[in-house]
Protein backbone atom coordinates (compact mmCIF):
# COMPACT_ATOMS: atom_id res chain seq x y z
CA MET A 1 43.22 147.75 156.95
CA LYS A 2 46.30 148.32 159.09
CA ARG A 3 48.17 145.54 157.30
CA THR A 4 47.21 146.98 153.91
CA GLY A 5 48.35 150.44 155.03
CA ILE A 6 51.78 149.21 156.13
CA LEU A 7 52.26 147.36 152.86
CA ALA A 8 51.15 150.36 150.77
CA VAL A 9 53.44 152.82 152.60
CA SER A 10 56.38 150.42 152.30
CA CYS A 11 55.83 149.95 148.57
CA LEU A 12 55.61 153.73 148.02
CA LEU A 13 58.89 154.14 149.92
CA LEU A 14 60.63 151.54 147.77
CA ILE A 15 59.24 153.04 144.55
CA SER A 16 60.52 156.45 145.64
CA LEU A 17 63.96 155.06 146.41
CA ASN A 18 64.09 153.17 143.13
CA SER A 19 63.49 156.38 141.18
CA GLN A 20 67.02 157.49 142.10
CA ALA A 21 69.51 156.93 139.31
CA GLN A 22 72.04 154.98 141.35
CA LEU A 23 69.65 152.34 142.69
CA ARG A 24 69.07 148.71 141.86
CA THR A 25 66.07 146.69 142.94
CA ALA A 26 66.12 142.92 143.41
CA ILE A 27 63.62 140.18 144.13
CA VAL A 28 65.01 137.91 146.87
CA GLY A 29 63.76 134.88 148.72
CA GLY A 30 64.98 132.01 150.82
CA VAL A 31 64.66 129.95 153.95
CA GLN A 32 64.95 131.13 157.52
CA GLN A 33 65.14 129.57 160.98
CA SER A 34 63.70 131.51 163.91
CA SER A 35 64.16 130.93 167.65
CA VAL A 36 63.43 132.77 170.92
CA PRO A 37 66.49 132.36 173.16
CA GLY A 38 66.91 133.50 176.73
CA ASN A 39 64.82 133.66 179.89
CA ASN A 40 61.18 133.62 178.76
CA SER A 41 59.30 132.95 182.00
CA THR A 42 59.39 131.46 185.46
CA GLY A 43 60.78 127.94 185.32
CA TRP A 44 62.27 128.53 181.87
CA ASP A 45 65.46 126.64 182.70
CA THR A 46 63.50 123.42 183.30
CA ILE A 47 61.42 123.54 180.11
CA SER A 48 63.69 125.34 177.62
CA TYR A 49 64.51 122.05 175.90
CA ASN A 50 60.83 121.69 174.95
CA TYR A 51 61.10 124.70 172.64
CA SER A 52 62.37 124.36 169.09
CA SER A 53 63.00 126.69 166.16
CA ARG A 54 60.48 127.54 163.51
CA ASN A 55 61.55 126.99 159.91
CA GLY A 56 60.02 129.35 157.40
CA ILE A 57 60.67 131.75 154.57
CA ARG A 58 62.00 135.26 154.13
CA ALA A 59 61.18 136.88 150.80
CA GLY A 60 60.68 140.34 149.40
CA ILE A 61 62.32 143.27 147.67
CA LEU A 62 65.90 144.46 148.21
CA VAL A 63 66.96 148.01 147.32
CA ASP A 64 70.69 148.63 146.78
CA ILE A 65 71.78 152.27 147.27
CA PRO A 66 75.49 152.91 146.49
CA PHE A 67 76.95 156.19 147.77
CA SER A 68 78.41 156.83 144.29
CA SER A 69 79.07 154.93 141.08
CA HIS A 70 82.63 154.21 142.23
CA SER A 71 82.10 153.75 145.96
CA LYS A 72 82.56 150.43 147.73
CA LEU A 73 80.16 151.58 150.44
CA GLY A 74 76.41 151.97 150.26
CA LEU A 75 73.10 151.22 151.90
CA GLN A 76 70.74 148.30 151.45
CA SER A 77 67.13 148.40 152.50
CA GLY A 78 63.97 146.70 151.35
CA LEU A 79 60.71 145.11 152.39
CA TYR A 80 60.54 141.45 153.41
CA TYR A 81 57.78 139.08 154.41
CA THR A 82 59.37 136.96 157.13
CA ASN A 83 58.27 133.99 159.27
CA LYS A 84 59.28 134.13 162.94
CA GLY A 85 58.35 132.44 166.19
CA ARG A 86 58.88 128.99 167.69
CA ASN A 87 57.39 125.57 168.46
CA PHE A 88 56.71 123.79 171.77
CA SER A 89 56.39 120.07 172.45
CA ALA A 90 56.36 118.15 175.74
CA LYS A 91 55.49 114.70 177.04
CA PHE A 92 54.25 113.95 180.59
CA ASP A 93 54.47 110.96 182.91
CA THR A 94 50.88 109.65 182.95
CA ALA A 95 51.63 107.76 186.15
CA SER A 96 51.74 111.04 188.05
CA SER A 97 49.88 113.38 185.69
CA THR A 98 46.51 113.52 184.00
CA LEU A 99 48.24 114.86 180.89
CA SER A 100 49.81 112.80 178.10
CA HIS A 101 51.51 115.38 175.92
CA ALA A 102 51.24 118.99 174.76
CA THR A 103 52.19 120.93 171.64
CA GLY A 104 52.19 124.60 170.84
CA LYS A 105 52.96 127.14 168.17
CA GLN A 106 53.85 130.77 168.62
CA TYR A 107 54.06 131.96 165.01
CA VAL A 108 54.29 135.56 163.84
CA ASN A 109 54.60 136.77 160.26
CA ASN A 110 56.14 140.21 159.89
CA LEU A 111 56.84 142.84 157.29
CA GLU A 112 60.45 143.76 157.93
CA ILE A 113 62.46 146.77 156.78
CA PRO A 114 66.25 146.57 157.36
CA LEU A 115 68.69 149.43 156.80
CA ASN A 116 72.24 148.10 156.41
CA LEU A 117 75.54 149.81 155.73
CA VAL A 118 77.24 147.49 153.21
CA LEU A 119 80.76 147.10 151.88
CA LYS A 120 81.33 145.55 148.44
CA LEU A 121 84.72 144.08 147.59
CA LYS A 122 85.35 143.26 143.94
CA LEU A 123 86.47 139.64 143.40
CA GLY A 124 86.14 139.54 139.62
CA LYS A 125 84.76 141.42 136.64
CA LYS A 126 81.16 140.77 137.70
CA THR A 127 81.64 139.24 141.16
CA ASN A 128 81.45 141.10 144.48
CA LEU A 129 81.76 140.00 148.10
CA VAL A 130 79.02 141.86 150.01
CA MET A 131 79.01 142.30 153.78
CA GLY A 132 76.91 144.61 155.89
CA ALA A 133 75.05 145.24 159.11
CA GLY A 134 72.50 147.62 160.58
CA PRO A 135 69.16 147.98 162.34
CA TYR A 136 65.78 146.69 161.28
CA ALA A 137 62.14 147.40 162.11
CA SER A 138 59.61 144.57 161.93
CA PHE A 139 55.82 145.10 161.76
CA LEU A 140 53.38 142.40 162.83
CA PHE A 141 51.38 141.30 159.80
CA SER A 142 49.69 138.08 160.90
CA GLY A 143 50.23 135.15 163.21
CA LEU A 144 49.03 132.02 164.89
CA GLU A 145 49.10 131.15 168.58
CA GLN A 146 48.04 127.56 169.19
CA ARG A 147 48.15 125.22 172.17
CA THR A 148 46.94 121.60 172.16
CA ILE A 149 46.92 119.42 175.30
CA THR A 150 46.18 115.70 175.10
CA ASN A 151 44.95 114.15 178.34
CA LYS A 152 45.92 110.60 179.20
CA ASP A 153 42.31 109.55 178.55
CA GLY A 154 42.69 110.79 174.96
CA SER A 155 40.59 113.95 175.30
CA LEU A 156 41.92 117.21 173.85
CA GLN A 157 42.12 120.79 175.06
CA SER A 158 42.91 123.36 172.34
CA LEU A 159 43.37 127.10 172.11
CA GLU A 160 43.94 128.97 168.86
CA ASN A 161 44.32 132.68 168.25
CA THR A 162 44.93 134.31 164.87
CA ASP A 163 43.89 137.86 165.75
CA MET A 164 47.16 138.85 167.37
CA LYS A 165 47.53 142.43 166.19
CA ILE A 166 46.28 144.19 169.35
CA THR A 167 47.53 146.66 171.94
CA THR A 168 50.49 145.51 174.00
CA ALA A 169 49.51 143.94 177.32
CA PRO A 170 50.43 140.81 179.29
CA GLY A 171 49.83 137.86 177.00
CA MET A 172 49.71 140.15 173.98
CA TYR A 173 51.90 140.71 170.90
CA ASN A 174 53.66 143.94 169.99
CA ASN A 175 52.82 145.62 166.71
CA ILE A 176 56.45 146.62 166.15
CA GLU A 177 59.75 145.06 167.11
CA TYR A 178 63.24 146.17 166.24
CA GLY A 179 66.75 144.74 166.32
CA VAL A 180 70.04 144.45 164.48
CA ASN A 181 71.00 142.22 161.58
CA GLY A 182 73.95 141.34 159.40
CA THR A 183 74.38 139.96 155.91
CA LEU A 184 77.21 138.24 154.04
CA GLY A 185 77.04 137.07 150.46
CA PHE A 186 78.06 137.38 146.83
CA GLU A 187 76.82 139.20 143.72
CA PHE A 188 77.40 137.42 140.41
CA GLY A 189 76.37 140.09 137.93
CA ARG A 190 72.65 140.43 138.57
CA PHE A 191 72.39 137.28 140.70
CA ILE A 192 72.61 137.32 144.51
CA VAL A 193 73.49 134.55 146.97
CA SER A 194 73.59 135.59 150.62
CA GLY A 195 73.14 134.61 154.24
CA HIS A 196 71.66 136.72 157.05
CA TYR A 197 71.54 136.77 160.84
CA SER A 198 69.48 138.94 163.19
CA GLU A 199 69.06 139.55 166.91
CA GLY A 200 65.95 141.23 168.28
CA LEU A 201 66.47 144.13 170.70
CA SER A 202 62.83 144.49 171.70
CA ASP A 203 60.23 141.95 172.83
CA PHE A 204 57.69 140.78 170.29
CA TYR A 205 55.52 139.34 173.08
CA SER A 206 54.72 140.15 176.71
CA ASN A 207 53.59 137.64 179.36
CA GLY A 208 53.57 140.01 182.32
CA ASN A 209 56.48 138.33 184.14
CA ALA A 210 59.19 140.71 185.34
CA GLY A 211 62.51 139.94 183.69
CA ALA A 212 61.02 137.75 180.98
CA ALA A 213 62.48 138.30 177.50
CA PHE A 214 60.88 137.41 174.17
CA LYS A 215 63.31 138.47 171.47
CA HIS A 216 63.68 136.84 168.09
CA ARG A 217 66.89 135.38 166.70
CA THR A 218 66.96 134.40 163.03
CA MET A 219 69.41 133.04 160.51
CA GLY A 220 68.95 131.96 156.95
CA ALA A 221 70.03 131.99 153.34
CA SER A 222 68.51 133.44 150.21
CA VAL A 223 68.99 133.94 146.49
CA GLY A 224 67.90 136.88 144.38
CA PHE A 225 67.99 138.66 141.07
CA TYR A 226 68.46 142.38 140.32
CA LEU A 227 65.78 143.75 138.03
CA SER A 228 67.99 146.48 136.59
CA LYS A 229 71.55 147.66 136.33
CA ALA A 230 72.82 150.70 138.21
CA SER A 231 72.91 153.80 136.03
CA LYS A 232 76.25 155.44 135.60
CA ARG A 233 76.54 158.78 137.27
CA THR A 234 77.15 161.72 134.98
CA GLU A 235 78.98 164.77 136.22
CA LYS A 236 79.14 168.20 134.66
CA VAL A 237 82.56 168.84 133.17
CA ARG A 238 84.02 172.37 133.08
CA ASP A 239 85.58 173.52 129.80
CA ARG A 240 86.25 177.29 129.84
CA ASP A 241 87.74 177.55 126.34
CA LYS A 242 85.14 175.22 124.78
CA ASP A 243 87.75 173.10 123.01
CA GLY A 244 86.24 169.80 124.12
CA ILE A 245 88.95 169.10 126.69
CA PRO A 246 87.91 169.33 130.38
CA ASP A 247 89.69 171.98 132.41
CA SER A 248 91.01 169.27 134.74
CA LYS A 249 93.05 167.89 131.81
CA ASP A 250 93.60 171.14 129.85
CA ILE A 251 97.08 172.64 130.29
CA CYS A 252 95.87 175.78 128.47
CA PRO A 253 92.30 176.08 129.84
CA ASP A 254 91.79 179.63 128.47
CA VAL A 255 93.21 179.04 124.96
CA ARG A 256 91.61 176.66 122.48
CA GLY A 257 93.81 173.72 121.62
CA ILE A 258 93.70 170.08 120.66
CA GLU A 259 93.77 166.88 122.69
CA LYS A 260 97.13 165.82 121.26
CA TYR A 261 98.74 168.78 123.05
CA ASN A 262 96.64 168.53 126.21
CA GLY A 263 94.38 171.40 125.20
CA CYS A 264 97.08 173.78 123.94
CA PRO A 265 97.61 175.05 120.33
CA ILE A 266 100.05 173.26 118.02
CA PRO A 267 103.44 174.40 119.37
CA ASP A 268 106.60 175.66 117.69
CA ARG A 269 109.13 174.83 120.34
CA ASP A 270 112.28 175.85 118.43
CA LYS A 271 110.74 179.13 117.17
CA ASP A 272 111.94 178.52 113.62
CA GLY A 273 108.61 179.40 112.01
CA VAL A 274 107.74 175.76 111.29
CA ASN A 275 105.12 174.39 113.69
CA ASP A 276 105.85 171.11 115.38
CA GLU A 277 103.29 169.23 113.24
CA LEU A 278 105.39 170.04 110.15
CA ASP A 279 108.80 170.36 111.80
CA VAL A 280 110.80 167.16 111.56
CA CYS A 281 113.20 168.63 114.17
CA PRO A 282 110.84 170.54 116.49
CA ASP A 283 113.48 171.15 119.20
CA GLU A 284 116.24 172.31 116.85
CA PRO A 285 115.97 175.44 114.69
CA GLY A 286 116.32 174.50 111.05
CA ILE A 287 115.58 175.58 107.51
CA GLU A 288 112.75 174.94 105.12
CA LYS A 289 114.95 172.89 102.75
CA TYR A 290 115.25 170.19 105.38
CA ALA A 291 111.71 170.48 106.80
CA GLY A 292 112.76 172.55 109.79
CA CYS A 293 115.96 170.62 110.46
CA ALA A 294 119.61 171.51 110.09
CA ILE A 295 121.60 169.67 107.42
CA PRO A 296 120.65 166.10 108.25
CA ASP A 297 122.83 163.33 109.56
CA SER A 298 120.74 160.28 108.67
CA ASP A 299 122.92 157.80 110.52
CA ASN A 300 123.60 160.10 113.52
CA ASP A 301 127.34 159.58 113.36
CA GLY A 302 128.31 163.25 113.61
CA VAL A 303 129.10 163.54 109.89
CA ASN A 304 126.35 165.31 107.93
CA ASN A 305 124.96 163.74 104.79
CA GLU A 306 126.69 166.16 102.46
CA GLU A 307 130.11 164.95 103.70
CA ASP A 308 129.24 161.36 104.63
CA HIS A 309 130.39 158.63 102.20
CA CYS A 310 128.14 156.16 104.04
CA PRO A 311 125.14 158.36 104.93
CA ASP A 312 122.91 155.49 106.05
CA ILE A 313 125.51 153.64 108.16
CA PRO A 314 126.98 155.16 111.36
CA GLY A 315 130.70 155.70 110.95
CA SER A 316 133.64 157.84 111.98
CA PRO A 317 135.03 161.12 110.63
CA LYS A 318 138.39 159.27 110.32
CA TYR A 319 136.77 157.03 107.67
CA HIS A 320 134.64 159.79 106.02
CA GLY A 321 131.49 158.77 107.89
CA CYS A 322 131.89 155.06 107.23
CA PRO A 323 132.32 152.42 109.95
CA ILE A 324 135.74 151.31 111.13
CA PRO A 325 136.65 148.43 108.78
CA ASP A 326 136.58 144.76 109.82
CA SER A 327 139.07 143.01 107.55
CA ASP A 328 138.40 139.45 108.75
CA LYS A 329 134.60 139.92 108.96
CA ASP A 330 134.38 138.60 112.52
CA GLY A 331 132.27 141.50 113.83
CA ILE A 332 135.22 143.17 115.62
CA ASN A 333 136.58 146.27 113.97
CA ASP A 334 140.26 146.44 113.08
CA GLU A 335 141.03 149.05 115.76
CA GLU A 336 139.92 146.64 118.51
CA ASP A 337 140.90 143.34 116.82
CA LYS A 338 144.18 141.85 118.07
CA CYS A 339 144.04 139.35 115.19
CA PRO A 340 142.61 141.55 112.39
CA ASP A 341 143.28 139.02 109.64
CA VAL A 342 141.92 135.93 111.46
CA LYS A 343 138.30 135.51 112.51
CA GLY A 344 137.81 135.43 116.25
CA LEU A 345 135.58 136.40 119.16
CA ALA A 346 135.21 139.64 121.11
CA LYS A 347 135.83 137.62 124.29
CA TYR A 348 139.37 136.96 123.07
CA GLY A 349 140.05 140.40 121.57
CA GLY A 350 139.10 139.28 118.06
CA CYS A 351 141.32 136.20 118.14
CA PRO A 352 140.13 132.58 117.88
CA ILE A 353 139.27 130.61 121.01
CA PRO A 354 142.62 129.41 122.43
CA ASP A 355 143.70 125.77 122.70
CA THR A 356 146.10 125.84 125.65
CA ASP A 357 147.14 122.17 125.47
CA ASN A 358 147.23 122.08 121.64
CA ASP A 359 145.14 118.93 121.45
CA GLY A 360 142.79 120.24 118.77
CA VAL A 361 139.96 120.91 121.24
CA ASN A 362 139.52 124.60 122.08
CA ASP A 363 139.50 125.64 125.72
CA GLU A 364 135.74 126.34 125.78
CA GLN A 365 134.95 122.76 124.72
CA ASP A 366 137.94 121.12 126.45
CA LYS A 367 137.01 119.59 129.81
CA CYS A 368 140.75 119.14 130.47
CA PRO A 369 142.16 122.35 128.94
CA THR A 370 145.69 121.98 130.36
CA VAL A 371 146.17 118.28 129.54
CA LYS A 372 146.26 116.89 126.02
CA GLY A 373 143.38 114.59 125.32
CA LEU A 374 141.10 113.18 122.66
CA LYS A 375 138.35 114.93 120.74
CA THR A 376 136.15 111.92 121.38
CA ASN A 377 136.64 112.43 125.14
CA LYS A 378 135.98 116.21 125.16
CA GLY A 379 139.69 116.99 125.24
CA CYS A 380 140.51 114.73 128.18
CA PRO A 381 142.84 111.73 128.10
CA PRO A 382 141.14 108.32 128.16
CA VAL A 383 140.47 106.69 131.52
CA LYS A 384 143.15 104.14 132.29
CA LYS A 385 142.19 100.66 131.09
CA GLU A 386 143.15 98.99 134.37
CA ILE A 387 140.77 101.28 136.29
CA VAL A 388 137.96 100.62 133.81
CA GLN A 389 138.55 96.87 134.12
CA LYS A 390 138.48 97.00 137.93
CA VAL A 391 135.22 98.96 137.95
CA ASN A 392 133.64 96.64 135.35
CA SER A 393 134.70 93.64 137.39
CA ALA A 394 133.17 95.16 140.50
CA ALA A 395 129.93 95.95 138.65
CA ARG A 396 129.54 92.30 137.58
CA ARG A 397 129.65 91.26 141.25
CA ILE A 398 126.91 93.61 142.44
CA HIS A 399 123.77 91.76 143.51
CA PHE A 400 120.56 92.62 145.33
CA ASN A 401 118.27 90.77 147.70
CA TYR A 402 115.51 88.80 145.96
CA LYS A 403 112.86 91.13 144.44
CA SER A 404 114.45 94.03 146.33
CA VAL A 405 116.55 97.14 145.79
CA LEU A 406 118.68 96.40 148.87
CA LEU A 407 122.32 95.51 148.22
CA THR A 408 123.60 92.20 149.51
CA GLU A 409 126.40 92.38 152.08
CA PRO A 410 128.99 90.90 149.65
CA SER A 411 127.99 93.58 147.10
CA LYS A 412 128.71 96.33 149.63
CA LYS A 413 132.22 94.94 150.09
CA VAL A 414 132.68 94.96 146.32
CA LEU A 415 131.57 98.60 146.17
CA LEU A 416 134.22 99.52 148.74
CA GLU A 417 136.78 98.71 146.02
CA VAL A 418 135.04 101.25 143.75
CA VAL A 419 135.02 103.81 146.58
CA LYS A 420 138.80 103.46 146.94
CA LEU A 421 139.35 103.86 143.18
CA LEU A 422 137.21 107.02 143.10
CA LYS A 423 138.99 108.52 146.09
CA ASP A 424 142.38 107.74 144.54
CA ASN A 425 141.26 109.31 141.22
CA PRO A 426 139.21 112.40 142.15
CA GLU A 427 138.95 113.48 138.51
CA LEU A 428 136.72 110.50 137.70
CA ASN A 429 132.91 110.54 137.62
CA VAL A 430 130.58 107.54 137.48
CA SER A 431 127.27 106.98 135.70
CA ILE A 432 125.43 104.07 137.35
CA GLU A 433 123.10 102.23 134.96
CA GLY A 434 120.50 99.71 136.12
CA HIS A 435 119.19 96.95 133.82
CA THR A 436 116.58 94.18 134.19
CA SER A 437 115.68 91.06 132.25
CA ILE A 438 112.45 90.74 130.27
CA ASP A 439 110.79 88.32 132.70
CA GLY A 440 108.25 89.51 135.23
CA ASN A 441 105.88 92.47 135.00
CA PRO A 442 107.12 94.90 132.28
CA ALA A 443 105.48 97.81 134.12
CA ASN A 444 107.98 97.38 136.97
CA HIS A 445 111.18 97.08 134.90
CA ASP A 446 112.04 100.79 134.63
CA LYS A 447 111.22 101.54 138.28
CA LEU A 448 113.18 98.54 139.57
CA SER A 449 116.25 99.23 137.43
CA GLU A 450 116.33 102.91 138.42
CA ALA A 451 115.80 102.09 142.10
CA ARG A 452 118.68 99.60 142.09
CA ALA A 453 120.99 102.09 140.35
CA TYR A 454 119.95 104.70 142.91
CA SER A 455 120.69 102.24 145.74
CA VAL A 456 124.27 101.92 144.47
CA LYS A 457 124.58 105.72 144.18
CA ILE A 458 123.37 106.25 147.75
CA TYR A 459 125.81 103.65 149.07
CA LEU A 460 128.75 105.34 147.32
CA GLU A 461 127.66 108.72 148.69
CA SER A 462 127.48 107.23 152.20
CA LYS A 463 131.15 106.29 151.87
CA GLY A 464 132.25 109.83 151.09
CA ILE A 465 131.90 110.14 147.32
CA ALA A 466 130.54 113.59 146.39
CA PRO A 467 127.00 113.48 144.90
CA ASP A 468 128.04 115.66 141.95
CA ARG A 469 130.45 112.92 140.81
CA LEU A 470 127.64 110.37 140.61
CA SER A 471 124.59 109.97 138.39
CA HIS A 472 122.13 107.13 137.96
CA ILE A 473 119.58 105.95 135.41
CA GLY A 474 117.37 102.91 134.92
CA TYR A 475 116.99 101.39 131.46
CA GLY A 476 114.64 98.56 132.43
CA ALA A 477 114.87 95.73 129.90
CA SER A 478 115.58 98.04 126.94
CA LYS A 479 119.35 97.24 126.66
CA PRO A 480 119.86 93.48 127.09
CA LEU A 481 123.38 92.02 126.83
CA VAL A 482 122.02 88.87 125.27
CA LYS A 483 118.72 87.85 123.73
CA GLY A 484 116.69 84.87 124.84
CA SER A 485 114.25 83.64 127.44
CA THR A 486 116.48 81.24 129.34
CA GLU A 487 117.45 81.63 132.99
CA ALA A 488 121.05 82.12 131.86
CA ALA A 489 120.01 85.03 129.59
CA TYR A 490 117.88 86.51 132.36
CA ALA A 491 120.79 86.34 134.81
CA ARG A 492 123.21 88.10 132.43
CA ASN A 493 120.72 90.85 131.62
CA ARG A 494 120.00 91.59 135.30
CA ARG A 495 122.95 93.84 136.04
CA VAL A 496 124.38 97.16 137.14
CA GLU A 497 126.96 98.88 134.93
CA MET A 498 129.26 101.70 136.04
CA ILE A 499 130.53 103.96 133.26
CA LEU A 500 133.61 106.04 134.12
CA SER A 501 134.39 109.48 132.70
CA ASN A 502 136.85 112.24 133.49
CA ASN A 503 135.01 115.15 131.87
């Protein structure tokens, strides 16, 4: 009867709470591990290892009680059926004892009511991180106390007690225990995934030994599902002038108005007798002929339409309301154009882009704007043939270690000639191109050719050539000098080329 009474009162409490508009109720359940840590009795330190946790369930009803529809804080309570207690197991030395082994169970099943203050942090549209903590009260519902001793001759001694709900006394179980607990989990819409931890603050059992402590510790995980959504809270809105706009947003709370004007009547700001809904110029007194405006100036150039020869194009009074002319149609008016009869750019005062060295390549495209050059070389003079020949000769003598990107020592000496040429001609840049033959694994051609070109680049940089004067690329076997599958063709196609430029 007592168990039924506790359950009935708890259910009535939850039903009462759930009648509140802000609440949500969920069914939750999961697994739980229970232990009884600490000093339990005399000699505890020598036998504590014989005790082990009890694995069980924790399931019931969760009630979520937000402080308001917009609050991150709230309360969570509920009613849970929870398994607690522990196990005992020990073996004895039969050479010195009449006992073989012993097992025991100290199981209690409680109805538990937590009351947690919770904080919900929004992680997504329907996802919340939920964390909370608070006290709990746990009522003894049922249990099992069992001890089994096996003697070395095989005989058994057993003790079992299931009627544990009695008055507290040594060797007895308490009807009520209390403690603190915490929870951490997530809400995904109406689904719940959470973990919990609790520490008992009162003993659930008494053995009569002074200083002995029998307090539960539990931890576990559970999943759940909300049965309903939280109802949105409605608040009474004050509206003194009954115009449908709340006083908190109504600039004219005692005069009926419209939402467009924040609760005020349609205004007439310029006091010209034409309300702003009809007044095309509500801040400037006007006349009816022009819908509340003064004589219009359609293009806003300061010349009204009755005097403006170009009423739809902004202009100048000097030109009767028309724009300043642009004789050469280059987008720069004649008053600002230094070359009004020749198309040009604003950057050069309306004149064409200059060509300082008169080589037919304008200064913006000319990489050598003060030295006459060729259009085909971006306005720069061609690189001297003797320098090109020296670099090409050096490139033909560059070799690498077998199946490697490392330069041979003779190749490094050859590259020193290129270093000297580049230092003597600081206007020159070099593009280093790596090539391979078609033999071998095609998948490696591009990587090998680029790596070898890069090896040359790094060597030149190490000898003082600025990195911005050097570039490298690997073409693999895509640009052979000669076709064929002979060793001679392979040898010619395995190469490094160095292309000079001065732009």
